[in-house]
Structure formats: C-alpha cells, structure tokens
Amino acid sequence: MRAGVLVAGGRSEAFGPAEKALATVDGQPMLRLAATALAPHVDELVVNCRRDQREAFAEALEGVAPGPRFATDPRPDAGPVAGALTALRTTTASHAVVAACDQPFLDPGIVDTLFEAANADGAIPRAAGRLRPFGGVYGVTPAKEACEAVVARGGESMREVVSFLDPAVVAVKRAGPFLSVDTRADLAAARRDAPSTVEARARSE
C-alpha cells in the first residue's frame, strides 16, 4: 500500500500572514497542485495541518481522489519533521511519498519512479547534485523512527531524517519539480516563470 503525505501545518514567517498552501499558481492552490501530483500513484492521501486549517484545506482539495484524510498536529508549528511524523503515524501503508504543500511543480511520473525504485527505507531523488528529501519516498516504519530521533534532538530538517536512513538514491535530470515556494517573491516568480527559469531556480536551492 502506498500513501501520499503532504506537510502543510507550519506558519511561514518568510511568506507572511496569508495561508501559503492556498496561494495559487496557474489558478490553483499550491496544496491542490501538490495533491494532484501525488494522487495518481497512492492509495491514500494524508494532509498534515493545524486544526484551524482543516476546513479551508478540505475545500481546496474537493474532488481530489483519493480523498484526503487530515492528520492534525498535536503541537502546532513544531516544524516539518514533526508534521511528517504526525502524518506517518496515521497510515498503515508500507511506503509514503512525503511532499510539502509549497511544491507546485511536482511530477507524477517521478513519484511513480521513486515508488518503483524504493527499498525498505525508501527512495530519495537526487537532482542538480543534491538530495531532495521533500518529494522523496520513505519506508513508513523506518521513517517514523528517523523522524522521532530528529525531533528528540530538536531537529527540523528532512535532510536529518534521511541521514538516519539508507534509501535508494534516484538520479533525476530536472530539479524544477522539487522547487519550493518560500517567499512572496518565490510565488511571483512561480506564477510568471517559464519552465526553464523554474529549473534554474530549483538548481540553486
């Protein structure tokens, strides 16, 4: 069984007070764009969020199949690793692709390739010479243990999670699918940029 996990619970100081997950690119909320990239290759979709986000997120994801299940943070704004852990604890899938709500250019074909390549610990893409933890596939049980270890020492980076694992590494030619929108300037660029420009920005992340 395959799960899709979207981490969407954090407040972004860099982005400002608006709900980043609901900001639109190509006329659709980034949360929905990310969900529709994962959905064709998963049996369930789990969205990590704060309790106050659920209603708006459910509306943004209306019609996405499989329909999302929400995993609300027991402690809000504890960081992306804690958010991923909250979601992973709710699934019985053997593997899960873990992505962020601010990745509007995720590629469904790459998601499927990663699931096919995954070992017990998962499969992490490498693009432009760097591992891309968000957008990678994880073995759920080892990933939960790794997330717990990172959270216990106060870490907040998915790169730290990967350091506890031994996943397959899959070379991906393009970095653009893993681009994250962190600021208002990033959002403006994502809305206007040609694919080649998106690729160049992603390679510099």
N, C-alpha and C. Protein backbone atom coordinates (compact mmCIF):
# COMPACT_ATOMS: atom_id res chain seq x y z
N MET A 1 0.85 -1.20 0.00
CA MET A 1 0.00 0.00 0.00
C MET A 1 0.88 1.25 0.00
N ARG A 2 0.49 2.23 -0.80
CA ARG A 2 1.24 3.47 -0.92
C ARG A 2 0.43 4.64 -0.34
N ALA A 3 1.11 5.51 0.36
CA ALA A 3 0.47 6.71 0.89
C ALA A 3 1.14 7.94 0.33
N GLY A 4 0.37 9.00 0.23
CA GLY A 4 0.91 10.32 -0.07
C GLY A 4 0.75 11.19 1.15
N VAL A 5 1.83 11.83 1.57
CA VAL A 5 1.80 12.70 2.74
C VAL A 5 2.14 14.11 2.30
N LEU A 6 1.29 15.06 2.65
CA LEU A 6 1.56 16.47 2.40
C LEU A 6 1.71 17.19 3.73
N VAL A 7 2.84 17.82 3.92
CA VAL A 7 3.12 18.57 5.15
C VAL A 7 2.70 20.02 4.91
N ALA A 8 1.71 20.47 5.66
CA ALA A 8 1.13 21.78 5.38
C ALA A 8 0.79 22.56 6.64
N GLY A 9 1.29 22.14 7.79
CA GLY A 9 0.82 22.72 9.04
C GLY A 9 1.57 23.92 9.54
N GLY A 10 2.74 24.21 8.98
CA GLY A 10 3.57 25.27 9.55
C GLY A 10 3.15 26.66 9.11
N ARG A 11 3.39 27.63 9.98
CA ARG A 11 3.24 29.04 9.61
C ARG A 11 4.57 29.52 9.04
N SER A 12 4.51 30.20 7.92
CA SER A 12 5.73 30.65 7.24
C SER A 12 5.97 32.12 7.51
N GLU A 13 6.98 32.43 8.33
CA GLU A 13 7.32 33.83 8.59
C GLU A 13 7.84 34.49 7.32
N ALA A 14 8.57 33.74 6.51
CA ALA A 14 9.13 34.31 5.29
C ALA A 14 8.04 34.68 4.29
N PHE A 15 6.95 33.92 4.28
CA PHE A 15 5.88 34.15 3.31
C PHE A 15 4.93 35.25 3.78
N GLY A 16 4.78 35.40 5.09
CA GLY A 16 3.86 36.40 5.60
C GLY A 16 2.61 35.77 6.20
N PRO A 17 1.64 36.60 6.58
CA PRO A 17 0.49 36.10 7.34
C PRO A 17 -0.51 35.28 6.53
N ALA A 18 -0.54 35.40 5.23
CA ALA A 18 -1.50 34.65 4.42
C ALA A 18 -1.18 33.16 4.45
N GLU A 19 -2.19 32.33 4.18
CA GLU A 19 -2.02 30.88 4.17
C GLU A 19 -1.29 30.46 2.90
N LYS A 20 -0.02 30.09 3.04
CA LYS A 20 0.80 29.80 1.87
C LYS A 20 0.24 28.64 1.06
N ALA A 21 -0.25 27.60 1.71
CA ALA A 21 -0.74 26.42 1.00
C ALA A 21 -1.87 26.75 0.04
N LEU A 22 -2.60 27.83 0.32
CA LEU A 22 -3.75 28.20 -0.50
C LEU A 22 -3.41 29.26 -1.55
N ALA A 23 -2.18 29.73 -1.56
CA ALA A 23 -1.75 30.66 -2.61
C ALA A 23 -1.80 29.93 -3.95
N THR A 24 -2.19 30.64 -4.99
CA THR A 24 -2.43 29.98 -6.27
C THR A 24 -1.28 30.14 -7.25
N VAL A 25 -1.06 29.08 -8.01
CA VAL A 25 -0.16 29.07 -9.16
C VAL A 25 -0.97 28.45 -10.30
N ASP A 26 -0.97 29.09 -11.44
CA ASP A 26 -1.80 28.63 -12.57
C ASP A 26 -3.26 28.49 -12.16
N GLY A 27 -3.70 29.38 -11.26
CA GLY A 27 -5.11 29.41 -10.89
C GLY A 27 -5.55 28.38 -9.88
N GLN A 28 -4.63 27.58 -9.35
CA GLN A 28 -4.99 26.56 -8.37
C GLN A 28 -4.15 26.70 -7.11
N PRO A 29 -4.72 26.41 -5.95
CA PRO A 29 -3.92 26.44 -4.73
C PRO A 29 -2.73 25.48 -4.82
N MET A 30 -1.59 25.92 -4.30
CA MET A 30 -0.41 25.05 -4.36
C MET A 30 -0.67 23.72 -3.66
N LEU A 31 -1.46 23.73 -2.59
CA LEU A 31 -1.80 22.49 -1.90
C LEU A 31 -2.48 21.52 -2.86
N ARG A 32 -3.40 22.02 -3.65
CA ARG A 32 -4.11 21.16 -4.60
C ARG A 32 -3.18 20.67 -5.71
N LEU A 33 -2.31 21.53 -6.20
CA LEU A 33 -1.36 21.11 -7.23
C LEU A 33 -0.48 19.98 -6.73
N ALA A 34 0.01 20.11 -5.50
CA ALA A 34 0.85 19.05 -4.93
C ALA A 34 0.04 17.77 -4.75
N ALA A 35 -1.18 17.89 -4.25
CA ALA A 35 -2.01 16.71 -4.01
C ALA A 35 -2.33 15.98 -5.31
N THR A 36 -2.63 16.71 -6.37
CA THR A 36 -2.98 16.06 -7.62
C THR A 36 -1.77 15.41 -8.29
N ALA A 37 -0.57 15.86 -7.95
CA ALA A 37 0.63 15.19 -8.45
C ALA A 37 0.85 13.85 -7.76
N LEU A 38 0.53 13.78 -6.48
CA LEU A 38 0.73 12.54 -5.72
C LEU A 38 -0.41 11.54 -5.95
N ALA A 39 -1.62 12.05 -6.09
CA ALA A 39 -2.82 11.21 -6.04
C ALA A 39 -2.84 10.03 -7.01
N PRO A 40 -2.36 10.17 -8.25
CA PRO A 40 -2.47 9.03 -9.17
C PRO A 40 -1.69 7.79 -8.74
N HIS A 41 -0.74 7.96 -7.84
CA HIS A 41 0.15 6.85 -7.51
C HIS A 41 0.07 6.42 -6.05
N VAL A 42 -0.97 6.86 -5.34
CA VAL A 42 -1.11 6.48 -3.93
C VAL A 42 -2.50 5.93 -3.67
N ASP A 43 -2.59 5.13 -2.61
CA ASP A 43 -3.88 4.55 -2.21
C ASP A 43 -4.59 5.42 -1.19
N GLU A 44 -3.85 6.26 -0.50
CA GLU A 44 -4.45 7.21 0.43
C GLU A 44 -3.62 8.48 0.46
N LEU A 45 -4.28 9.58 0.78
CA LEU A 45 -3.64 10.89 0.84
C LEU A 45 -3.84 11.45 2.24
N VAL A 46 -2.74 11.76 2.91
CA VAL A 46 -2.79 12.27 4.28
C VAL A 46 -2.21 13.68 4.29
N VAL A 47 -2.98 14.62 4.79
CA VAL A 47 -2.54 16.01 4.86
C VAL A 47 -2.31 16.38 6.31
N ASN A 48 -1.08 16.74 6.62
CA ASN A 48 -0.75 17.22 7.96
C ASN A 48 -1.05 18.71 8.03
N CYS A 49 -1.78 19.11 9.06
CA CYS A 49 -2.13 20.53 9.18
C CYS A 49 -2.49 20.85 10.63
N ARG A 50 -2.70 22.14 10.87
CA ARG A 50 -3.26 22.57 12.15
C ARG A 50 -4.78 22.40 12.11
N ARG A 51 -5.38 22.32 13.26
CA ARG A 51 -6.83 22.13 13.32
C ARG A 51 -7.58 23.27 12.63
N ASP A 52 -7.06 24.50 12.77
CA ASP A 52 -7.76 25.65 12.20
C ASP A 52 -7.65 25.71 10.67
N GLN A 53 -6.80 24.87 10.08
CA GLN A 53 -6.64 24.87 8.63
C GLN A 53 -7.57 23.87 7.93
N ARG A 54 -8.13 22.94 8.66
CA ARG A 54 -8.79 21.80 8.04
C ARG A 54 -9.92 22.19 7.09
N GLU A 55 -10.78 23.08 7.52
CA GLU A 55 -11.95 23.42 6.71
C GLU A 55 -11.53 24.00 5.36
N ALA A 56 -10.62 24.96 5.39
CA ALA A 56 -10.18 25.59 4.14
C ALA A 56 -9.43 24.61 3.26
N PHE A 57 -8.63 23.74 3.87
CA PHE A 57 -7.88 22.76 3.09
C PHE A 57 -8.82 21.73 2.46
N ALA A 58 -9.83 21.31 3.21
CA ALA A 58 -10.79 20.35 2.65
C ALA A 58 -11.50 20.95 1.44
N GLU A 59 -11.83 22.22 1.52
CA GLU A 59 -12.48 22.89 0.39
C GLU A 59 -11.53 22.96 -0.81
N ALA A 60 -10.26 23.28 -0.55
CA ALA A 60 -9.28 23.39 -1.64
C ALA A 60 -9.03 22.05 -2.32
N LEU A 61 -9.22 20.96 -1.58
CA LEU A 61 -8.93 19.62 -2.11
C LEU A 61 -10.18 18.87 -2.56
N GLU A 62 -11.31 19.56 -2.60
CA GLU A 62 -12.55 18.91 -3.01
C GLU A 62 -12.40 18.30 -4.40
N GLY A 63 -12.79 17.03 -4.52
CA GLY A 63 -12.72 16.34 -5.81
C GLY A 63 -11.44 15.59 -6.06
N VAL A 64 -10.42 15.81 -5.25
CA VAL A 64 -9.17 15.06 -5.40
C VAL A 64 -9.40 13.63 -4.93
N ALA A 65 -8.97 12.67 -5.72
CA ALA A 65 -9.13 11.26 -5.36
C ALA A 65 -7.77 10.57 -5.36
N PRO A 66 -7.43 9.82 -4.30
CA PRO A 66 -8.27 9.54 -3.14
C PRO A 66 -8.49 10.78 -2.28
N GLY A 67 -9.67 10.83 -1.67
CA GLY A 67 -9.99 11.97 -0.82
C GLY A 67 -9.03 12.07 0.35
N PRO A 68 -8.65 13.28 0.74
CA PRO A 68 -7.65 13.44 1.79
C PRO A 68 -8.18 13.10 3.17
N ARG A 69 -7.27 12.60 3.97
CA ARG A 69 -7.51 12.43 5.40
C ARG A 69 -6.57 13.39 6.11
N PHE A 70 -7.04 14.03 7.16
CA PHE A 70 -6.25 15.07 7.83
C PHE A 70 -5.64 14.54 9.11
N ALA A 71 -4.35 14.80 9.27
CA ALA A 71 -3.61 14.44 10.48
C ALA A 71 -3.20 15.74 11.15
N THR A 72 -3.92 16.12 12.19
CA THR A 72 -3.69 17.43 12.80
C THR A 72 -2.57 17.36 13.83
N ASP A 73 -1.80 18.43 13.86
CA ASP A 73 -0.64 18.49 14.75
C ASP A 73 -1.08 18.53 16.21
N PRO A 74 -0.54 17.66 17.06
CA PRO A 74 -0.84 17.76 18.48
C PRO A 74 -0.23 19.01 19.10
N ARG A 75 0.89 19.46 18.52
CA ARG A 75 1.52 20.71 18.95
C ARG A 75 1.78 21.54 17.70
N PRO A 76 1.02 22.60 17.48
CA PRO A 76 1.15 23.35 16.23
C PRO A 76 2.54 23.95 16.04
N ASP A 77 2.93 24.05 14.78
CA ASP A 77 4.16 24.75 14.39
C ASP A 77 5.41 24.16 15.03
N ALA A 78 5.45 22.84 15.11
CA ALA A 78 6.62 22.16 15.67
C ALA A 78 7.68 21.85 14.62
N GLY A 79 7.41 22.23 13.37
CA GLY A 79 8.40 22.01 12.31
C GLY A 79 7.98 20.93 11.35
N PRO A 80 8.62 20.88 10.18
CA PRO A 80 8.21 19.94 9.14
C PRO A 80 8.44 18.48 9.48
N VAL A 81 9.49 18.19 10.24
CA VAL A 81 9.73 16.78 10.61
C VAL A 81 8.64 16.29 11.55
N ALA A 82 8.28 17.13 12.51
CA ALA A 82 7.19 16.76 13.42
C ALA A 82 5.88 16.60 12.65
N GLY A 83 5.67 17.46 11.66
CA GLY A 83 4.47 17.34 10.83
C GLY A 83 4.45 16.05 10.03
N ALA A 84 5.58 15.72 9.43
CA ALA A 84 5.67 14.46 8.68
C ALA A 84 5.42 13.28 9.60
N LEU A 85 5.98 13.34 10.80
CA LEU A 85 5.80 12.25 11.77
C LEU A 85 4.33 12.10 12.14
N THR A 86 3.65 13.20 12.38
CA THR A 86 2.23 13.14 12.70
C THR A 86 1.45 12.41 11.62
N ALA A 87 1.74 12.73 10.37
CA ALA A 87 1.03 12.09 9.26
C ALA A 87 1.42 10.62 9.11
N LEU A 88 2.70 10.33 9.21
CA LEU A 88 3.17 8.95 9.03
C LEU A 88 2.59 8.02 10.10
N ARG A 89 2.35 8.55 11.28
CA ARG A 89 1.79 7.73 12.36
C ARG A 89 0.36 7.30 12.09
N THR A 90 -0.30 7.93 11.13
CA THR A 90 -1.70 7.61 10.88
C THR A 90 -1.92 6.62 9.75
N THR A 91 -0.85 6.24 9.04
CA THR A 91 -1.03 5.39 7.87
C THR A 91 -0.56 3.97 8.13
N THR A 92 -1.21 3.02 7.48
CA THR A 92 -0.77 1.63 7.53
C THR A 92 -0.02 1.24 6.26
N ALA A 93 0.25 2.20 5.40
CA ALA A 93 1.00 1.93 4.17
C ALA A 93 2.42 1.50 4.49
N SER A 94 3.02 0.75 3.59
CA SER A 94 4.43 0.36 3.77
C SER A 94 5.36 1.49 3.37
N HIS A 95 4.96 2.27 2.36
CA HIS A 95 5.78 3.38 1.87
C HIS A 95 4.90 4.61 1.66
N ALA A 96 5.53 5.77 1.79
CA ALA A 96 4.81 7.03 1.59
C ALA A 96 5.71 8.03 0.90
N VAL A 97 5.16 8.73 -0.06
CA VAL A 97 5.85 9.89 -0.62
C VAL A 97 5.51 11.07 0.27
N VAL A 98 6.54 11.79 0.69
CA VAL A 98 6.37 12.92 1.60
C VAL A 98 6.74 14.20 0.84
N ALA A 99 5.77 15.08 0.71
CA ALA A 99 5.99 16.33 -0.02
C ALA A 99 5.47 17.49 0.81
N ALA A 100 5.84 18.69 0.38
CA ALA A 100 5.41 19.91 1.07
C ALA A 100 4.29 20.58 0.28
N CYS A 101 3.48 21.33 1.00
CA CYS A 101 2.34 22.00 0.36
C CYS A 101 2.77 23.11 -0.59
N ASP A 102 4.05 23.52 -0.52
CA ASP A 102 4.51 24.63 -1.35
C ASP A 102 5.37 24.15 -2.52
N GLN A 103 5.11 22.93 -2.98
CA GLN A 103 5.81 22.37 -4.14
C GLN A 103 4.82 22.24 -5.30
N PRO A 104 4.58 23.31 -6.04
CA PRO A 104 3.52 23.27 -7.06
C PRO A 104 3.90 22.56 -8.35
N PHE A 105 5.17 22.18 -8.50
CA PHE A 105 5.61 21.61 -9.77
C PHE A 105 5.98 20.13 -9.68
N LEU A 106 5.52 19.45 -8.64
CA LEU A 106 5.81 18.02 -8.50
C LEU A 106 5.36 17.25 -9.74
N ASP A 107 6.15 16.24 -10.10
CA ASP A 107 5.91 15.48 -11.33
C ASP A 107 5.37 14.09 -10.98
N PRO A 108 4.14 13.76 -11.38
CA PRO A 108 3.59 12.44 -11.06
C PRO A 108 4.45 11.30 -11.58
N GLY A 109 5.08 11.47 -12.73
CA GLY A 109 5.94 10.42 -13.27
C GLY A 109 7.13 10.12 -12.38
N ILE A 110 7.71 11.17 -11.80
CA ILE A 110 8.84 10.97 -10.89
C ILE A 110 8.37 10.27 -9.62
N VAL A 111 7.19 10.64 -9.14
CA VAL A 111 6.64 9.98 -7.95
C VAL A 111 6.55 8.47 -8.18
N ASP A 112 6.01 8.07 -9.31
CA ASP A 112 5.88 6.64 -9.61
C ASP A 112 7.25 5.97 -9.72
N THR A 113 8.20 6.63 -10.36
CA THR A 113 9.55 6.08 -10.48
C THR A 113 10.17 5.84 -9.11
N LEU A 114 9.97 6.76 -8.19
CA LEU A 114 10.54 6.62 -6.85
C LEU A 114 9.90 5.46 -6.10
N PHE A 115 8.58 5.31 -6.21
CA PHE A 115 7.94 4.16 -5.56
C PHE A 115 8.50 2.85 -6.12
N GLU A 116 8.68 2.78 -7.41
CA GLU A 116 9.19 1.55 -8.03
C GLU A 116 10.62 1.26 -7.60
N ALA A 117 11.41 2.29 -7.35
CA ALA A 117 12.82 2.12 -7.00
C ALA A 117 13.06 1.93 -5.52
N ALA A 118 12.04 2.15 -4.70
CA ALA A 118 12.24 2.19 -3.25
C ALA A 118 12.68 0.86 -2.67
N ASN A 119 13.61 0.93 -1.73
CA ASN A 119 13.95 -0.22 -0.89
C ASN A 119 13.19 -0.08 0.43
N ALA A 120 13.58 -0.83 1.43
CA ALA A 120 12.84 -0.79 2.70
C ALA A 120 12.83 0.60 3.32
N ASP A 121 13.91 1.37 3.10
CA ASP A 121 13.99 2.71 3.66
C ASP A 121 13.43 3.78 2.73
N GLY A 122 13.19 3.43 1.48
CA GLY A 122 12.60 4.38 0.56
C GLY A 122 13.46 4.66 -0.65
N ALA A 123 13.19 5.77 -1.30
CA ALA A 123 13.95 6.22 -2.47
C ALA A 123 13.92 7.74 -2.50
N ILE A 124 15.09 8.35 -2.51
CA ILE A 124 15.21 9.80 -2.47
C ILE A 124 15.78 10.29 -3.79
N PRO A 125 15.16 11.29 -4.40
CA PRO A 125 15.69 11.82 -5.65
C PRO A 125 16.94 12.67 -5.43
N ARG A 126 17.84 12.58 -6.38
CA ARG A 126 18.99 13.49 -6.42
C ARG A 126 18.90 14.29 -7.71
N ALA A 127 18.86 15.59 -7.58
CA ALA A 127 18.78 16.47 -8.75
C ALA A 127 19.75 17.62 -8.56
N ALA A 128 20.45 17.98 -9.63
CA ALA A 128 21.43 19.06 -9.59
C ALA A 128 22.45 18.83 -8.48
N GLY A 129 22.82 17.57 -8.27
CA GLY A 129 23.86 17.23 -7.32
C GLY A 129 23.44 17.20 -5.87
N ARG A 130 22.14 17.35 -5.59
CA ARG A 130 21.67 17.40 -4.20
C ARG A 130 20.50 16.45 -3.99
N LEU A 131 20.46 15.85 -2.80
CA LEU A 131 19.29 15.07 -2.43
C LEU A 131 18.11 16.01 -2.21
N ARG A 132 16.94 15.54 -2.57
CA ARG A 132 15.71 16.33 -2.43
C ARG A 132 14.75 15.57 -1.52
N PRO A 133 14.88 15.75 -0.20
CA PRO A 133 14.07 14.95 0.73
C PRO A 133 12.56 15.15 0.57
N PHE A 134 12.12 16.40 0.33
CA PHE A 134 10.69 16.61 0.09
C PHE A 134 10.38 16.27 -1.36
N GLY A 135 9.49 15.32 -1.52
CA GLY A 135 9.22 14.72 -2.82
C GLY A 135 9.79 13.33 -2.92
N GLY A 136 10.46 12.87 -1.85
CA GLY A 136 11.01 11.52 -1.80
C GLY A 136 10.01 10.52 -1.24
N VAL A 137 10.32 9.25 -1.46
CA VAL A 137 9.51 8.14 -0.94
C VAL A 137 10.24 7.53 0.25
N TYR A 138 9.49 7.23 1.30
CA TYR A 138 10.06 6.71 2.54
C TYR A 138 9.38 5.42 2.96
N GLY A 139 10.16 4.47 3.47
CA GLY A 139 9.58 3.35 4.17
C GLY A 139 8.96 3.88 5.45
N VAL A 140 7.68 3.62 5.67
CA VAL A 140 6.97 4.30 6.74
C VAL A 140 7.55 3.99 8.11
N THR A 141 7.79 2.72 8.41
CA THR A 141 8.30 2.37 9.74
C THR A 141 9.67 2.97 10.01
N PRO A 142 10.67 2.77 9.14
CA PRO A 142 11.97 3.40 9.40
C PRO A 142 11.90 4.92 9.39
N ALA A 143 11.04 5.50 8.57
CA ALA A 143 10.93 6.96 8.53
C ALA A 143 10.35 7.50 9.83
N LYS A 144 9.36 6.80 10.39
CA LYS A 144 8.83 7.24 11.68
C LYS A 144 9.92 7.23 12.74
N GLU A 145 10.70 6.16 12.77
CA GLU A 145 11.78 6.07 13.75
C GLU A 145 12.81 7.18 13.54
N ALA A 146 13.13 7.47 12.29
CA ALA A 146 14.09 8.53 11.99
C ALA A 146 13.54 9.90 12.38
N CYS A 147 12.27 10.14 12.08
CA CYS A 147 11.65 11.41 12.47
C CYS A 147 11.63 11.57 13.98
N GLU A 148 11.32 10.50 14.68
CA GLU A 148 11.32 10.56 16.15
C GLU A 148 12.69 10.92 16.68
N ALA A 149 13.74 10.35 16.09
CA ALA A 149 15.10 10.64 16.53
C ALA A 149 15.46 12.10 16.27
N VAL A 150 15.06 12.61 15.11
CA VAL A 150 15.36 14.01 14.78
C VAL A 150 14.59 14.96 15.68
N VAL A 151 13.31 14.69 15.89
CA VAL A 151 12.51 15.55 16.77
C VAL A 151 13.06 15.54 18.19
N ALA A 152 13.50 14.37 18.65
CA ALA A 152 14.01 14.25 20.02
C ALA A 152 15.24 15.12 20.26
N ARG A 153 16.02 15.35 19.22
CA ARG A 153 17.21 16.20 19.39
C ARG A 153 16.98 17.63 18.90
N GLY A 154 15.72 17.96 18.66
CA GLY A 154 15.37 19.33 18.31
C GLY A 154 15.57 19.68 16.85
N GLY A 155 15.75 18.69 16.00
CA GLY A 155 15.95 18.95 14.58
C GLY A 155 14.66 19.23 13.86
N GLU A 156 14.75 19.93 12.73
CA GLU A 156 13.58 20.27 11.94
C GLU A 156 13.77 20.02 10.45
N SER A 157 14.87 19.38 10.07
CA SER A 157 15.19 19.22 8.65
C SER A 157 14.96 17.79 8.19
N MET A 158 14.29 17.64 7.05
CA MET A 158 14.12 16.31 6.48
C MET A 158 15.45 15.73 6.01
N ARG A 159 16.43 16.59 5.76
CA ARG A 159 17.76 16.06 5.43
C ARG A 159 18.33 15.27 6.61
N GLU A 160 18.05 15.73 7.82
CA GLU A 160 18.47 14.97 9.00
C GLU A 160 17.78 13.62 9.04
N VAL A 161 16.52 13.59 8.68
CA VAL A 161 15.79 12.32 8.66
C VAL A 161 16.46 11.35 7.70
N VAL A 162 16.79 11.83 6.51
CA VAL A 162 17.43 10.97 5.51
C VAL A 162 18.76 10.43 6.02
N SER A 163 19.46 11.22 6.84
CA SER A 163 20.77 10.78 7.34
C SER A 163 20.66 9.56 8.25
N PHE A 164 19.48 9.28 8.78
CA PHE A 164 19.26 8.10 9.62
C PHE A 164 18.88 6.87 8.78
N LEU A 165 18.69 7.06 7.49
CA LEU A 165 18.17 6.00 6.63
C LEU A 165 19.19 5.61 5.57
N ASP A 166 18.89 4.52 4.89
CA ASP A 166 19.73 4.07 3.78
C ASP A 166 18.83 3.82 2.56
N PRO A 167 18.23 4.88 2.03
CA PRO A 167 17.31 4.71 0.91
C PRO A 167 18.04 4.54 -0.41
N ALA A 168 17.33 4.05 -1.40
CA ALA A 168 17.84 4.11 -2.76
C ALA A 168 17.92 5.59 -3.16
N VAL A 169 18.91 5.92 -3.95
CA VAL A 169 19.05 7.28 -4.46
C VAL A 169 18.81 7.24 -5.96
N VAL A 170 17.86 8.03 -6.42
CA VAL A 170 17.44 8.01 -7.82
C VAL A 170 17.84 9.33 -8.48
N ALA A 171 18.68 9.24 -9.49
CA ALA A 171 19.09 10.44 -10.22
C ALA A 171 17.92 10.96 -11.06
N VAL A 172 17.63 12.22 -10.91
CA VAL A 172 16.55 12.88 -11.65
C VAL A 172 17.17 14.03 -12.43
N LYS A 173 16.88 14.10 -13.70
CA LYS A 173 17.53 15.11 -14.55
C LYS A 173 17.12 16.53 -14.20
N ARG A 174 15.87 16.70 -13.79
CA ARG A 174 15.36 18.05 -13.55
C ARG A 174 15.16 18.31 -12.07
N ALA A 175 15.58 19.49 -11.63
CA ALA A 175 15.35 19.90 -10.24
C ALA A 175 14.04 20.67 -10.08
N GLY A 176 13.51 21.19 -11.19
CA GLY A 176 12.32 22.01 -11.13
C GLY A 176 11.14 21.41 -10.39
N PRO A 177 10.86 20.09 -10.55
CA PRO A 177 9.72 19.52 -9.84
C PRO A 177 9.81 19.63 -8.32
N PHE A 178 11.00 19.85 -7.79
CA PHE A 178 11.18 19.89 -6.33
C PHE A 178 11.25 21.31 -5.78
N LEU A 179 11.06 22.30 -6.64
CA LEU A 179 11.12 23.69 -6.22
C LEU A 179 10.07 23.95 -5.15
N SER A 180 10.47 24.65 -4.09
CA SER A 180 9.53 25.06 -3.05
C SER A 180 9.37 26.57 -3.08
N VAL A 181 8.17 27.02 -2.80
CA VAL A 181 7.84 28.44 -2.78
C VAL A 181 7.89 28.90 -1.33
N ASP A 182 8.94 29.62 -0.98
CA ASP A 182 9.15 30.01 0.42
C ASP A 182 8.72 31.44 0.72
N THR A 183 8.79 32.33 -0.26
CA THR A 183 8.52 33.74 -0.03
C THR A 183 7.52 34.26 -1.06
N ARG A 184 7.05 35.48 -0.84
CA ARG A 184 6.17 36.13 -1.81
C ARG A 184 6.88 36.30 -3.15
N ALA A 185 8.17 36.60 -3.10
CA ALA A 185 8.94 36.74 -4.34
C ALA A 185 8.99 35.41 -5.09
N ASP A 186 9.16 34.31 -4.34
CA ASP A 186 9.14 32.98 -4.96
C ASP A 186 7.80 32.73 -5.64
N LEU A 187 6.72 33.13 -4.97
CA LEU A 187 5.39 32.91 -5.53
C LEU A 187 5.21 33.70 -6.82
N ALA A 188 5.63 34.95 -6.80
CA ALA A 188 5.52 35.76 -8.01
C ALA A 188 6.32 35.15 -9.15
N ALA A 189 7.51 34.64 -8.82
CA ALA A 189 8.34 34.01 -9.84
C ALA A 189 7.69 32.74 -10.37
N ALA A 190 7.11 31.93 -9.47
CA ALA A 190 6.47 30.68 -9.89
C ALA A 190 5.29 30.96 -10.81
N ARG A 191 4.62 32.08 -10.59
CA ARG A 191 3.46 32.42 -11.42
C ARG A 191 3.86 32.89 -12.82
N ARG A 192 5.03 33.47 -12.94
CA ARG A 192 5.38 34.07 -14.23
C ARG A 192 6.45 33.30 -15.00
N ASP A 193 7.21 32.45 -14.31
CA ASP A 193 8.42 31.90 -14.93
C ASP A 193 8.12 30.82 -15.95
N ALA A 194 8.93 30.79 -16.97
CA ALA A 194 8.93 29.67 -17.91
C ALA A 194 9.56 28.46 -17.23
N PRO A 195 9.26 27.24 -17.71
CA PRO A 195 9.84 26.04 -17.10
C PRO A 195 11.35 26.08 -16.97
N SER A 196 12.04 26.67 -17.94
CA SER A 196 13.50 26.71 -17.87
C SER A 196 13.98 27.57 -16.71
N THR A 197 13.24 28.65 -16.42
CA THR A 197 13.61 29.53 -15.32
C THR A 197 13.34 28.85 -13.99
N VAL A 198 12.22 28.15 -13.90
CA VAL A 198 11.92 27.37 -12.70
C VAL A 198 13.04 26.37 -12.44
N GLU A 199 13.49 25.71 -13.49
CA GLU A 199 14.57 24.73 -13.35
C GLU A 199 15.84 25.39 -12.81
N ALA A 200 16.20 26.54 -13.33
CA ALA A 200 17.41 27.23 -12.88
C ALA A 200 17.30 27.62 -11.42
N ARG A 201 16.13 28.09 -11.00
CA ARG A 201 15.95 28.47 -9.60
C ARG A 201 16.02 27.24 -8.70
N ALA A 202 15.41 26.15 -9.12
CA ALA A 202 15.43 24.93 -8.31
C ALA A 202 16.85 24.41 -8.14
N ARG A 203 17.66 24.52 -9.15
CA ARG A 203 19.04 24.04 -9.06
C ARG A 203 19.86 24.85 -8.07
N SER A 204 19.46 26.08 -7.84
CA SER A 204 20.22 26.93 -6.92
C SER A 204 19.75 26.82 -5.48
N GLU A 205 18.66 26.09 -5.23
CA GLU A 205 18.14 25.96 -3.86
C GLU A 205 19.11 25.19 -2.98
